[in-house]
């Protein structure tokens, strides 16, 4: 966009990244839609957004059939076990990547508050399940009140605390994945595994691994859930519902992105919600980790994945390594998780 085609200046691209990070929903998808709109208007936004989503959707549906319908096959179980172990490392790496940016703009007291917000997000993800939404909102609102020196946001927070059902209904998976799709993991796990029993714990770990392994946004993980519920039609419906808000937000709000970024209120909110979202990412790793410790050889995959990451390998390479090691485990007859 900037260096090769020069469709946007470096500053315009940076503004787009900042603005889409302020929006609820998958930031990568919204950035792709925004850039496509800048090049070719409304029609370009639709085409560019679909081009970003559809290839990964097609591949993840094919893999969902393999992992969910044929999950008893030893080869598939081995690949699944290896990927489940490696995805823990990938999630932690993502959290570290997000966290590195905070010291550059958060110093002194703000950095300390960021650590507290992140800790709260991690703890809420592990212990509160879907109610981590309230922690993300609360962190943003508290920081807004702090920076604006106004108690009004706190009064609003107290009012919403009386309506937890409304908070949960209004801010579903597609509405509050600030900063990236990994934040949706704890939100989905409660409904998918515990409330509706659409997937087992192991199958949910597979779904997260597939969302990481396939190209496109991590939010495509919801397509695996949809596939488990109602086949290809369910996968398509889940994807459409998850990504529709991103198109609506960007197409409606793109003309105002630069102004939004300059306003102190939204920036202060992001200063609070952002660290909490990073904490939620680390909490998501803790939720997925039990799937990586069921057999004695799976921790060895984690060690190999950490070594690959330390050598500068990409997240895709780390996951592919986990899959290959899982296939080797199946080939030599090692015990496989059930």
C-alpha atoms as a PDB file:
ATOM      1  CA  UNK A   1       0.000   0.000   0.000  1.00  0.00           C
ATOM      2  CA  UNK A   2       2.772   2.452   0.907  1.00  0.00           C
ATOM      3  CA  UNK A   3       6.109   1.251  -0.402  1.00  0.00           C
ATOM      4  CA  UNK A   4       5.250  -0.714  -3.536  1.00  0.00           C
ATOM      5  CA  UNK A   5       2.052   0.791  -4.957  1.00  0.00           C
ATOM      6  CA  UNK A   6       2.188   4.152  -3.118  1.00  0.00           C
ATOM      7  CA  UNK A   7      -1.585   4.223  -2.816  1.00  0.00           C
ATOM      8  CA  UNK A   8      -1.269   5.679   0.707  1.00  0.00           C
ATOM      9  CA  UNK A   9       1.386   7.796   2.359  1.00  0.00           C
ATOM     10  CA  UNK A  10       3.161   6.414   5.410  1.00  0.00           C
ATOM     11  CA  UNK A  11       1.261   8.854   7.639  1.00  0.00           C
ATOM     12  CA  UNK A  12      -2.095   7.903   6.120  1.00  0.00           C
ATOM     13  CA  UNK A  13      -1.364   4.234   6.701  1.00  0.00           C
ATOM     14  CA  UNK A  14      -0.307   4.877  10.300  1.00  0.00           C
ATOM     15  CA  UNK A  15      -3.507   6.830  10.874  1.00  0.00           C
ATOM     16  CA  UNK A  16      -5.509   3.930   9.445  1.00  0.00           C
ATOM     17  CA  UNK A  17      -3.804   1.478  11.796  1.00  0.00           C
ATOM     18  CA  UNK A  18      -4.502   3.722  14.793  1.00  0.00           C
ATOM     19  CA  UNK A  19      -8.117   4.318  13.829  1.00  0.00           C
ATOM     20  CA  UNK A  20      -8.990   0.671  13.169  1.00  0.00           C
ATOM     21  CA  UNK A  21      -7.377  -0.274  16.474  1.00  0.00           C
ATOM     22  CA  UNK A  22      -9.904   1.985  18.194  1.00  0.00           C
ATOM     23  CA  UNK A  23     -12.825   0.100  16.646  1.00  0.00           C
ATOM     24  CA  UNK A  24     -14.364  -3.070  18.026  1.00  0.00           C
ATOM     25  CA  UNK A  25     -13.931  -6.072  15.773  1.00  0.00           C
ATOM     26  CA  UNK A  26     -10.963  -7.690  13.996  1.00  0.00           C
ATOM     27  CA  UNK A  27      -8.447  -4.915  13.358  1.00  0.00           C
ATOM     28  CA  UNK A  28      -6.710  -6.699  10.475  1.00  0.00           C
ATOM     29  CA  UNK A  29      -9.970  -7.065   8.538  1.00  0.00           C
ATOM     30  CA  UNK A  30     -10.925  -3.451   9.140  1.00  0.00           C
ATOM     31  CA  UNK A  31      -7.508  -2.247   8.013  1.00  0.00           C
ATOM     32  CA  UNK A  32      -7.811  -4.267   4.790  1.00  0.00           C
ATOM     33  CA  UNK A  33     -11.276  -2.804   4.119  1.00  0.00           C
ATOM     34  CA  UNK A  34     -10.073   0.726   4.860  1.00  0.00           C
ATOM     35  CA  UNK A  35      -7.078   0.434   2.533  1.00  0.00           C
ATOM     36  CA  UNK A  36      -9.224  -1.007  -0.263  1.00  0.00           C
ATOM     37  CA  UNK A  37     -11.700   1.851   0.177  1.00  0.00           C
ATOM     38  CA  UNK A  38      -8.885   4.387  -0.070  1.00  0.00           C
ATOM     39  CA  UNK A  39      -7.874   2.891  -3.418  1.00  0.00           C
ATOM     40  CA  UNK A  40     -11.255   2.265  -5.058  1.00  0.00           C
ATOM     41  CA  UNK A  41     -14.040   3.705  -2.945  1.00  0.00           C
ATOM     42  CA  UNK A  42     -17.097   1.826  -1.698  1.00  0.00           C
ATOM     43  CA  UNK A  43     -16.926  -0.950  -4.302  1.00  0.00           C
ATOM     44  CA  UNK A  44     -13.222  -1.365  -3.656  1.00  0.00           C
ATOM     45  CA  UNK A  45     -13.892  -1.782   0.065  1.00  0.00           C
ATOM     46  CA  UNK A  46     -16.358  -4.605  -0.603  1.00  0.00           C
ATOM     47  CA  UNK A  47     -14.069  -6.383  -3.079  1.00  0.00           C
ATOM     48  CA  UNK A  48     -10.932  -5.881  -0.996  1.00  0.00           C
ATOM     49  CA  UNK A  49     -12.595  -7.015   2.216  1.00  0.00           C
ATOM     50  CA  UNK A  50     -13.958 -10.158   0.589  1.00  0.00           C
ATOM     51  CA  UNK A  51     -10.572 -10.883  -1.008  1.00  0.00           C
ATOM     52  CA  UNK A  52      -9.028 -10.718   2.459  1.00  0.00           C
ATOM     53  CA  UNK A  53     -11.600 -13.069   4.031  1.00  0.00           C
ATOM     54  CA  UNK A  54     -12.768 -15.578   1.406  1.00  0.00           C
ATOM     55  CA  UNK A  55      -9.537 -17.537   0.693  1.00  0.00           C
ATOM     56  CA  UNK A  56      -9.035 -18.283   4.374  1.00  0.00           C
ATOM     57  CA  UNK A  57     -12.727 -19.128   4.755  1.00  0.00           C
ATOM     58  CA  UNK A  58     -12.611 -21.715   1.971  1.00  0.00           C
ATOM     59  CA  UNK A  59      -9.476 -23.349   3.381  1.00  0.00           C
ATOM     60  CA  UNK A  60     -10.710 -23.376   6.966  1.00  0.00           C
ATOM     61  CA  UNK A  61     -13.993 -25.060   5.970  1.00  0.00           C
ATOM     62  CA  UNK A  62     -12.049 -27.812   4.196  1.00  0.00           C
ATOM     63  CA  UNK A  63      -9.820 -28.272   7.237  1.00  0.00           C
ATOM     64  CA  UNK A  64     -12.847 -28.187   9.567  1.00  0.00           C
ATOM     65  CA  UNK A  65     -14.284 -31.159   7.685  1.00  0.00           C
ATOM     66  CA  UNK A  66     -10.988 -32.994   8.085  1.00  0.00           C
ATOM     67  CA  UNK A  67     -10.501 -32.193  11.781  1.00  0.00           C
ATOM     68  CA  UNK A  68     -14.108 -32.465  12.977  1.00  0.00           C
ATOM     69  CA  UNK A  69     -15.628 -35.181  10.800  1.00  0.00           C
ATOM     70  CA  UNK A  70     -12.528 -37.390  10.701  1.00  0.00           C
ATOM     71  CA  UNK A  71     -11.061 -36.541  14.074  1.00  0.00           C
ATOM     72  CA  UNK A  72     -10.701 -40.210  15.101  1.00  0.00           C
ATOM     73  CA  UNK A  73      -8.137 -40.862  12.385  1.00  0.00           C
ATOM     74  CA  UNK A  74      -4.690 -41.221  13.998  1.00  0.00           C
ATOM     75  CA  UNK A  75      -3.020 -38.924  11.477  1.00  0.00           C
ATOM     76  CA  UNK A  76      -5.573 -36.191  12.086  1.00  0.00           C
ATOM     77  CA  UNK A  77      -5.367 -36.696  15.872  1.00  0.00           C
ATOM     78  CA  UNK A  78      -1.576 -36.449  15.732  1.00  0.00           C
ATOM     79  CA  UNK A  79      -1.648 -33.268  13.649  1.00  0.00           C
ATOM     80  CA  UNK A  80      -4.296 -31.853  15.974  1.00  0.00           C
ATOM     81  CA  UNK A  81      -2.263 -32.618  19.101  1.00  0.00           C
ATOM     82  CA  UNK A  82       0.849 -31.041  17.617  1.00  0.00           C
ATOM     83  CA  UNK A  83      -1.017 -27.938  16.483  1.00  0.00           C
ATOM     84  CA  UNK A  84      -2.730 -27.572  19.869  1.00  0.00           C
ATOM     85  CA  UNK A  85       0.667 -27.568  21.559  1.00  0.00           C
ATOM     86  CA  UNK A  86       2.188 -25.104  19.103  1.00  0.00           C
ATOM     87  CA  UNK A  87      -0.752 -22.691  19.169  1.00  0.00           C
ATOM     88  CA  UNK A  88      -0.082 -21.957  22.843  1.00  0.00           C
ATOM     89  CA  UNK A  89       3.310 -20.591  21.842  1.00  0.00           C
ATOM     90  CA  UNK A  90       1.792 -18.595  18.977  1.00  0.00           C
ATOM     91  CA  UNK A  91      -0.754 -16.947  21.278  1.00  0.00           C
ATOM     92  CA  UNK A  92       1.934 -16.010  23.808  1.00  0.00           C
ATOM     93  CA  UNK A  93       4.066 -14.552  21.004  1.00  0.00           C
ATOM     94  CA  UNK A  94       1.111 -12.470  19.870  1.00  0.00           C
ATOM     95  CA  UNK A  95       0.628 -11.140  23.383  1.00  0.00           C
ATOM     96  CA  UNK A  96       4.322 -10.274  23.655  1.00  0.00           C
ATOM     97  CA  UNK A  97       4.155  -8.527  20.291  1.00  0.00           C
ATOM     98  CA  UNK A  98       1.269  -6.342  21.414  1.00  0.00           C
ATOM     99  CA  UNK A  99       2.849  -5.647  24.802  1.00  0.00           C
ATOM    100  CA  UNK A 100       6.093  -4.383  23.275  1.00  0.00           C
ATOM    101  CA  UNK A 101       4.342  -1.317  21.954  1.00  0.00           C
ATOM    102  CA  UNK A 102       3.135  -0.027  25.304  1.00  0.00           C
ATOM    103  CA  UNK A 103       6.449   1.317  26.689  1.00  0.00           C
ATOM    104  CA  UNK A 104       6.768   3.551  23.604  1.00  0.00           C
ATOM    105  CA  UNK A 105       3.651   5.568  24.394  1.00  0.00           C
ATOM    106  CA  UNK A 106       2.868   4.603  27.994  1.00  0.00           C
ATOM    107  CA  UNK A 107       5.415   5.901  30.477  1.00  0.00           C
ATOM    108  CA  UNK A 108       5.477   6.441  34.211  1.00  0.00           C
ATOM    109  CA  UNK A 109       2.069   6.138  35.879  1.00  0.00           C
ATOM    110  CA  UNK A 110       0.338   5.214  32.590  1.00  0.00           C
ATOM    111  CA  UNK A 111       2.709   2.271  32.104  1.00  0.00           C
ATOM    112  CA  UNK A 112       1.966   1.079  35.641  1.00  0.00           C
ATOM    113  CA  UNK A 113      -1.786   1.350  35.008  1.00  0.00           C
ATOM    114  CA  UNK A 114      -1.306  -0.532  31.738  1.00  0.00           C
ATOM    115  CA  UNK A 115       0.298  -3.409  33.638  1.00  0.00           C
ATOM    116  CA  UNK A 116      -2.647  -3.443  36.054  1.00  0.00           C
ATOM    117  CA  UNK A 117      -5.165  -3.450  33.180  1.00  0.00           C
ATOM    118  CA  UNK A 118      -3.272  -6.292  31.490  1.00  0.00           C
ATOM    119  CA  UNK A 119      -3.194  -8.303  34.717  1.00  0.00           C
ATOM    120  CA  UNK A 120      -6.925  -7.776  35.176  1.00  0.00           C
ATOM    121  CA  UNK A 121      -7.583  -8.878  31.596  1.00  0.00           C
ATOM    122  CA  UNK A 122      -5.541 -12.061  32.007  1.00  0.00           C
ATOM    123  CA  UNK A 123      -7.160 -12.949  35.332  1.00  0.00           C
ATOM    124  CA  UNK A 124     -10.662 -12.273  34.002  1.00  0.00           C
ATOM    125  CA  UNK A 125     -10.058 -14.417  30.932  1.00  0.00           C
ATOM    126  CA  UNK A 126      -9.059 -17.390  33.050  1.00  0.00           C
ATOM    127  CA  UNK A 127     -11.644 -17.003  35.816  1.00  0.00           C
ATOM    128  CA  UNK A 128     -14.642 -15.103  34.418  1.00  0.00           C
ATOM    129  CA  UNK A 129     -15.051 -16.500  30.907  1.00  0.00           C
ATOM    130  CA  UNK A 130     -17.304 -14.271  28.775  1.00  0.00           C
ATOM    131  CA  UNK A 131     -17.421 -11.584  31.450  1.00  0.00           C
ATOM    132  CA  UNK A 132     -13.924 -10.552  30.380  1.00  0.00           C
ATOM    133  CA  UNK A 133     -15.924  -8.149  28.196  1.00  0.00           C
ATOM    134  CA  UNK A 134     -16.791  -6.167  31.291  1.00  0.00           C
ATOM    135  CA  UNK A 135     -13.094  -5.941  32.247  1.00  0.00           C
ATOM    136  CA  UNK A 136     -12.133  -4.649  28.793  1.00  0.00           C
ATOM    137  CA  UNK A 137     -14.871  -2.040  28.945  1.00  0.00           C
ATOM    138  CA  UNK A 138     -14.146  -1.183  32.551  1.00  0.00           C
ATOM    139  CA  UNK A 139     -10.420  -0.701  31.920  1.00  0.00           C
ATOM    140  CA  UNK A 140     -11.128   1.665  29.064  1.00  0.00           C
ATOM    141  CA  UNK A 141     -13.702   3.627  31.026  1.00  0.00           C
ATOM    142  CA  UNK A 142     -11.513   3.912  34.133  1.00  0.00           C
ATOM    143  CA  UNK A 143      -8.594   5.190  32.072  1.00  0.00           C
ATOM    144  CA  UNK A 144     -10.877   7.652  30.279  1.00  0.00           C
ATOM    145  CA  UNK A 145     -12.070   9.003  33.626  1.00  0.00           C
ATOM    146  CA  UNK A 146      -8.473   9.235  34.861  1.00  0.00           C
ATOM    147  CA  UNK A 147      -7.140  11.114  31.858  1.00  0.00           C
ATOM    148  CA  UNK A 148     -10.129  13.420  31.450  1.00  0.00           C
ATOM    149  CA  UNK A 149     -10.314  14.038  35.204  1.00  0.00           C
ATOM    150  CA  UNK A 150     -14.047  13.375  35.099  1.00  0.00           C
ATOM    151  CA  UNK A 151     -16.215  10.954  37.075  1.00  0.00           C
ATOM    152  CA  UNK A 152     -18.883  10.783  34.357  1.00  0.00           C
ATOM    153  CA  UNK A 153     -17.446   7.632  32.705  1.00  0.00           C
ATOM    154  CA  UNK A 154     -17.368   5.902  36.102  1.00  0.00           C
ATOM    155  CA  UNK A 155     -21.010   6.750  36.716  1.00  0.00           C
ATOM    156  CA  UNK A 156     -21.842   5.185  33.353  1.00  0.00           C
ATOM    157  CA  UNK A 157     -19.806   2.103  34.269  1.00  0.00           C
ATOM    158  CA  UNK A 158     -21.750   1.714  37.505  1.00  0.00           C
ATOM    159  CA  UNK A 159     -25.008   1.829  35.564  1.00  0.00           C
ATOM    160  CA  UNK A 160     -23.964  -0.885  33.141  1.00  0.00           C
ATOM    161  CA  UNK A 161     -22.763  -3.107  35.976  1.00  0.00           C
ATOM    162  CA  UNK A 162     -26.430  -3.450  36.964  1.00  0.00           C
ATOM    163  CA  UNK A 163     -27.262  -4.842  33.544  1.00  0.00           C
ATOM    164  CA  UNK A 164     -24.773  -7.672  32.925  1.00  0.00           C
ATOM    165  CA  UNK A 165     -27.132  -9.493  30.580  1.00  0.00           C
ATOM    166  CA  UNK A 166     -27.379  -6.398  28.385  1.00  0.00           C
ATOM    167  CA  UNK A 167     -23.599  -6.000  28.354  1.00  0.00           C
ATOM    168  CA  UNK A 168     -23.153  -9.616  27.283  1.00  0.00           C
ATOM    169  CA  UNK A 169     -25.842  -9.416  24.599  1.00  0.00           C
ATOM    170  CA  UNK A 170     -24.668  -6.094  23.166  1.00  0.00           C
ATOM    171  CA  UNK A 171     -20.952  -6.896  23.001  1.00  0.00           C
ATOM    172  CA  UNK A 172     -20.630 -10.319  21.469  1.00  0.00           C
ATOM    173  CA  UNK A 173     -17.571 -11.811  19.887  1.00  0.00           C
ATOM    174  CA  UNK A 174     -17.663  -9.584  16.828  1.00  0.00           C
ATOM    175  CA  UNK A 175     -18.204  -6.440  18.832  1.00  0.00           C
ATOM    176  CA  UNK A 176     -15.317  -6.216  21.290  1.00  0.00           C
ATOM    177  CA  UNK A 177     -12.238  -7.974  19.964  1.00  0.00           C
ATOM    178  CA  UNK A 178     -10.106  -4.858  20.422  1.00  0.00           C
ATOM    179  CA  UNK A 179      -6.658  -5.065  18.838  1.00  0.00           C
ATOM    180  CA  UNK A 180      -6.991  -8.486  17.207  1.00  0.00           C
ATOM    181  CA  UNK A 181      -8.916 -11.700  16.873  1.00  0.00           C
ATOM    182  CA  UNK A 182      -7.139 -13.608  19.641  1.00  0.00           C
ATOM    183  CA  UNK A 183      -9.239 -11.799  22.240  1.00  0.00           C
ATOM    184  CA  UNK A 184     -12.320 -13.690  20.995  1.00  0.00           C
ATOM    185  CA  UNK A 185     -10.925 -17.033  22.186  1.00  0.00           C
ATOM    186  CA  UNK A 186     -12.135 -16.859  25.806  1.00  0.00           C
ATOM    187  CA  UNK A 187     -15.424 -15.318  24.663  1.00  0.00           C
ATOM    188  CA  UNK A 188     -16.133 -18.153  22.261  1.00  0.00           C
ATOM    189  CA  UNK A 189     -14.928 -20.906  24.533  1.00  0.00           C
ATOM    190  CA  UNK A 190     -17.665 -20.315  27.101  1.00  0.00           C
ATOM    191  CA  UNK A 191     -20.535 -20.481  24.607  1.00  0.00           C
ATOM    192  CA  UNK A 192     -19.091 -23.091  22.271  1.00  0.00           C
ATOM    193  CA  UNK A 193     -17.709 -25.587  24.786  1.00  0.00           C
ATOM    194  CA  UNK A 194     -19.489 -25.057  28.081  1.00  0.00           C
ATOM    195  CA  UNK A 195     -22.870 -23.496  27.318  1.00  0.00           C
ATOM    196  CA  UNK A 196     -23.922 -25.165  24.049  1.00  0.00           C
ATOM    197  CA  UNK A 197     -21.461 -28.084  23.816  1.00  0.00           C
ATOM    198  CA  UNK A 198     -20.991 -27.612  20.079  1.00  0.00           C
ATOM    199  CA  UNK A 199     -17.310 -28.588  20.328  1.00  0.00           C
ATOM    200  CA  UNK A 200     -15.252 -30.495  22.852  1.00  0.00           C
ATOM    201  CA  UNK A 201     -12.257 -28.862  24.530  1.00  0.00           C
ATOM    202  CA  UNK A 202      -9.938 -30.633  22.096  1.00  0.00           C
ATOM    203  CA  UNK A 203     -12.016 -29.663  19.061  1.00  0.00           C
ATOM    204  CA  UNK A 204     -12.060 -26.041  20.225  1.00  0.00           C
ATOM    205  CA  UNK A 205      -8.268 -26.118  20.483  1.00  0.00           C
ATOM    206  CA  UNK A 206      -8.260 -27.476  16.919  1.00  0.00           C
ATOM    207  CA  UNK A 207     -10.505 -24.609  15.805  1.00  0.00           C
ATOM    208  CA  UNK A 208      -8.132 -22.035  17.310  1.00  0.00           C
ATOM    209  CA  UNK A 209      -5.182 -23.730  15.625  1.00  0.00           C
ATOM    210  CA  UNK A 210      -6.980 -23.679  12.268  1.00  0.00           C
ATOM    211  CA  UNK A 211      -7.780 -20.001  12.690  1.00  0.00           C
ATOM    212  CA  UNK A 212      -4.055 -19.346  13.174  1.00  0.00           C
ATOM    213  CA  UNK A 213      -2.870 -21.691  10.446  1.00  0.00           C
ATOM    214  CA  UNK A 214      -5.085 -20.482   7.601  1.00  0.00           C
ATOM    215  CA  UNK A 215      -4.505 -17.179   5.802  1.00  0.00           C
ATOM    216  CA  UNK A 216      -6.641 -14.188   6.687  1.00  0.00           C
ATOM    217  CA  UNK A 217      -8.061 -12.987  10.019  1.00  0.00           C
ATOM    218  CA  UNK A 218      -8.005 -15.145  13.145  1.00  0.00           C
ATOM    219  CA  UNK A 219     -11.727 -14.422  13.550  1.00  0.00           C
ATOM    220  CA  UNK A 220     -12.297 -17.088  10.874  1.00  0.00           C
ATOM    221  CA  UNK A 221     -12.176 -19.473  13.855  1.00  0.00           C
ATOM    222  CA  UNK A 222     -15.911 -18.801  14.201  1.00  0.00           C
ATOM    223  CA  UNK A 223     -16.396 -20.530  10.841  1.00  0.00           C
ATOM    224  CA  UNK A 224     -15.238 -23.805  12.382  1.00  0.00           C
ATOM    225  CA  UNK A 225     -17.850 -23.366  15.093  1.00  0.00           C
ATOM    226  CA  UNK A 226     -20.499 -22.645  12.478  1.00  0.00           C
ATOM    227  CA  UNK A 227     -19.426 -25.709  10.531  1.00  0.00           C
ATOM    228  CA  UNK A 228     -19.780 -27.879  13.620  1.00  0.00           C
ATOM    229  CA  UNK A 229     -23.306 -26.566  14.153  1.00  0.00           C
ATOM    230  CA  UNK A 230     -24.674 -26.679  10.609  1.00  0.00           C
ATOM    231  CA  UNK A 231     -22.094 -27.621   8.005  1.00  0.00           C
ATOM    232  CA  UNK A 232     -20.993 -25.254   5.251  1.00  0.00           C
ATOM    233  CA  UNK A 233     -24.145 -23.136   5.608  1.00  0.00           C
ATOM    234  CA  UNK A 234     -23.461 -22.670   9.301  1.00  0.00           C
ATOM    235  CA  UNK A 235     -19.846 -21.742   8.589  1.00  0.00           C
ATOM    236  CA  UNK A 236     -20.925 -19.140   6.042  1.00  0.00           C
ATOM    237  CA  UNK A 237     -23.538 -17.713   8.399  1.00  0.00           C
ATOM    238  CA  UNK A 238     -21.077 -17.472  11.286  1.00  0.00           C
ATOM    239  CA  UNK A 239     -18.514 -15.717   9.089  1.00  0.00           C
ATOM    240  CA  UNK A 240     -21.093 -13.298   7.699  1.00  0.00           C
ATOM    241  CA  UNK A 241     -22.325 -12.341  11.167  1.00  0.00           C
ATOM    242  CA  UNK A 242     -18.780 -11.964  12.527  1.00  0.00           C
ATOM    243  CA  UNK A 243     -17.483  -9.765   9.702  1.00  0.00           C
ATOM    244  CA  UNK A 244     -20.548  -7.663   8.866  1.00  0.00           C
ATOM    245  CA  UNK A 245     -19.827  -5.174  11.700  1.00  0.00           C
ATOM    246  CA  UNK A 246     -16.310  -4.591  10.349  1.00  0.00           C
ATOM    247  CA  UNK A 247     -17.637  -3.578   6.944  1.00  0.00           C
ATOM    248  CA  UNK A 248     -20.295  -1.374   8.558  1.00  0.00           C
ATOM    249  CA  UNK A 249     -17.866   0.344  10.951  1.00  0.00           C
ATOM    250  CA  UNK A 250     -15.253   1.113   8.309  1.00  0.00           C
ATOM    251  CA  UNK A 251     -17.598   2.152   5.511  1.00  0.00           C
ATOM    252  CA  UNK A 252     -19.570   4.420   7.818  1.00  0.00           C
ATOM    253  CA  UNK A 253     -16.714   5.785   9.883  1.00  0.00           C
ATOM    254  CA  UNK A 254     -13.733   6.009   7.507  1.00  0.00           C
ATOM    255  CA  UNK A 255     -14.245   9.740   6.752  1.00  0.00           C
ATOM    256  CA  UNK A 256     -13.970  10.479  10.479  1.00  0.00           C
ATOM    257  CA  UNK A 257     -11.026   8.211  11.376  1.00  0.00           C
ATOM    258  CA  UNK A 258      -8.403  10.926  11.533  1.00  0.00           C
ATOM    259  CA  UNK A 259     -10.598  13.171  13.711  1.00  0.00           C
ATOM    260  CA  UNK A 260     -11.403  10.243  16.010  1.00  0.00           C
ATOM    261  CA  UNK A 261      -7.735   9.523  16.520  1.00  0.00           C
ATOM    262  CA  UNK A 262      -7.030  13.094  17.623  1.00  0.00           C
ATOM    263  CA  UNK A 263      -9.751  13.253  20.284  1.00  0.00           C
ATOM    264  CA  UNK A 264      -8.612  12.709  23.879  1.00  0.00           C
ATOM    265  CA  UNK A 265     -11.588  10.585  24.921  1.00  0.00           C
ATOM    266  CA  UNK A 266     -11.199   7.733  22.394  1.00  0.00           C
ATOM    267  CA  UNK A 267      -7.413   7.780  22.800  1.00  0.00           C
ATOM    268  CA  UNK A 268      -7.727   7.536  26.593  1.00  0.00           C
ATOM    269  CA  UNK A 269     -10.225   4.675  26.253  1.00  0.00           C
ATOM    270  CA  UNK A 270      -7.776   2.757  24.067  1.00  0.00           C
ATOM    271  CA  UNK A 271      -5.005   3.393  26.601  1.00  0.00           C
ATOM    272  CA  UNK A 272      -7.068   1.411  29.110  1.00  0.00           C
ATOM    273  CA  UNK A 273      -8.766  -1.199  26.905  1.00  0.00           C
ATOM    274  CA  UNK A 274      -5.614  -2.004  24.934  1.00  0.00           C
ATOM    275  CA  UNK A 275      -3.547  -3.354  27.859  1.00  0.00           C
ATOM    276  CA  UNK A 276      -6.565  -5.285  29.155  1.00  0.00           C
ATOM    277  CA  UNK A 277      -6.919  -6.902  25.722  1.00  0.00           C
ATOM    278  CA  UNK A 278      -3.249  -7.899  25.800  1.00  0.00           C
ATOM    279  CA  UNK A 279      -3.804  -9.502  29.188  1.00  0.00           C
ATOM    280  CA  UNK A 280      -6.777 -11.372  27.753  1.00  0.00           C
ATOM    281  CA  UNK A 281      -4.523 -12.781  25.036  1.00  0.00           C
ATOM    282  CA  UNK A 282      -2.161 -14.238  27.650  1.00  0.00           C
ATOM    283  CA  UNK A 283      -5.191 -15.574  29.516  1.00  0.00           C
ATOM    284  CA  UNK A 284      -6.343 -17.268  26.313  1.00  0.00           C
ATOM    285  CA  UNK A 285      -3.019 -19.107  26.162  1.00  0.00           C
ATOM    286  CA  UNK A 286      -3.647 -20.363  29.688  1.00  0.00           C
ATOM    287  CA  UNK A 287      -7.076 -21.672  28.649  1.00  0.00           C
ATOM    288  CA  UNK A 288      -5.708 -23.517  25.627  1.00  0.00           C
ATOM    289  CA  UNK A 289      -2.616 -24.866  27.428  1.00  0.00           C
ATOM    290  CA  UNK A 290      -4.315 -27.941  29.023  1.00  0.00           C
ATOM    291  CA  UNK A 291      -4.820 -29.335  25.525  1.00  0.00           C
ATOM    292  CA  UNK A 292      -1.035 -29.201  25.035  1.00  0.00           C
ATOM    293  CA  UNK A 293      -0.189 -31.327  28.109  1.00  0.00           C
ATOM    294  CA  UNK A 294      -2.346 -34.426  27.701  1.00  0.00           C
ATOM    295  CA  UNK A 295       0.430 -36.668  26.407  1.00  0.00           C
ATOM    296  CA  UNK A 296       4.043 -36.740  27.526  1.00  0.00           C
ATOM    297  CA  UNK A 297       5.430 -35.765  24.116  1.00  0.00           C
ATOM    298  CA  UNK A 298       3.310 -32.607  23.598  1.00  0.00           C
ATOM    299  CA  UNK A 299       5.468 -30.414  25.903  1.00  0.00           C
ATOM    300  CA  UNK A 300       8.406 -31.335  23.643  1.00  0.00           C
ATOM    301  CA  UNK A 301       6.489 -29.731  20.780  1.00  0.00           C
ATOM    302  CA  UNK A 302       6.160 -26.580  22.883  1.00  0.00           C
ATOM    303  CA  UNK A 303       9.923 -26.567  23.462  1.00  0.00           C
ATOM    304  CA  UNK A 304      10.548 -26.961  19.726  1.00  0.00           C
ATOM    305  CA  UNK A 305       8.038 -24.187  18.965  1.00  0.00           C
ATOM    306  CA  UNK A 306       9.712 -21.832  21.452  1.00  0.00           C
ATOM    307  CA  UNK A 307      13.101 -22.601  19.890  1.00  0.00           C
ATOM    308  CA  UNK A 308      11.737 -21.867  16.407  1.00  0.00           C
ATOM    309  CA  UNK A 309      10.265 -18.584  17.620  1.00  0.00           C
ATOM    310  CA  UNK A 310      13.562 -17.641  19.285  1.00  0.00           C
ATOM    311  CA  UNK A 311      15.291 -18.163  15.928  1.00  0.00           C
ATOM    312  CA  UNK A 312      12.959 -15.625  14.376  1.00  0.00           C
ATOM    313  CA  UNK A 313      10.585 -18.019  12.651  1.00  0.00           C
ATOM    314  CA  UNK A 314       7.059 -16.817  11.844  1.00  0.00           C
ATOM    315  CA  UNK A 315       3.914 -17.905  13.667  1.00  0.00           C
ATOM    316  CA  UNK A 316       2.884 -19.855  10.572  1.00  0.00           C
ATOM    317  CA  UNK A 317       6.179 -21.782  10.689  1.00  0.00           C
ATOM    318  CA  UNK A 318       5.693 -22.495  14.401  1.00  0.00           C
ATOM    319  CA  UNK A 319       2.221 -23.952  13.776  1.00  0.00           C
ATOM    320  CA  UNK A 320       3.390 -25.925  10.743  1.00  0.00           C
ATOM    321  CA  UNK A 321       6.194 -27.347  12.881  1.00  0.00           C
ATOM    322  CA  UNK A 322       3.621 -28.448  15.460  1.00  0.00           C
ATOM    323  CA  UNK A 323       1.553 -30.168  12.769  1.00  0.00           C
ATOM    324  CA  UNK A 324       4.584 -31.985  11.350  1.00  0.00           C
ATOM    325  CA  UNK A 325       5.746 -33.148  14.794  1.00  0.00           C
ATOM    326  CA  UNK A 326       2.215 -34.350  15.539  1.00  0.00           C
ATOM    327  CA  UNK A 327       2.157 -36.353  12.310  1.00  0.00           C
ATOM    328  CA  UNK A 328       5.535 -37.885  13.226  1.00  0.00           C
ATOM    329  CA  UNK A 329       4.131 -38.829  16.633  1.00  0.00           C
ATOM    330  CA  UNK A 330       1.244 -40.629  14.941  1.00  0.00           C
ATOM    331  CA  UNK A 331       3.610 -42.313  12.506  1.00  0.00           C
ATOM    332  CA  UNK A 332       5.798 -43.825  15.226  1.00  0.00           C
ATOM    333  CA  UNK A 333       2.826 -44.900  17.329  1.00  0.00           C
ATOM    334  CA  UNK A 334       3.067 -42.470  20.259  1.00  0.00           C
ATOM    335  CA  UNK A 335      -0.064 -42.118  22.427  1.00  0.00           C
ATOM    336  CA  UNK A 336      -2.529 -39.562  21.061  1.00  0.00           C
ATOM    337  CA  UNK A 337      -5.062 -37.414  22.974  1.00  0.00           C
ATOM    338  CA  UNK A 338      -8.694 -38.455  22.737  1.00  0.00           C
END
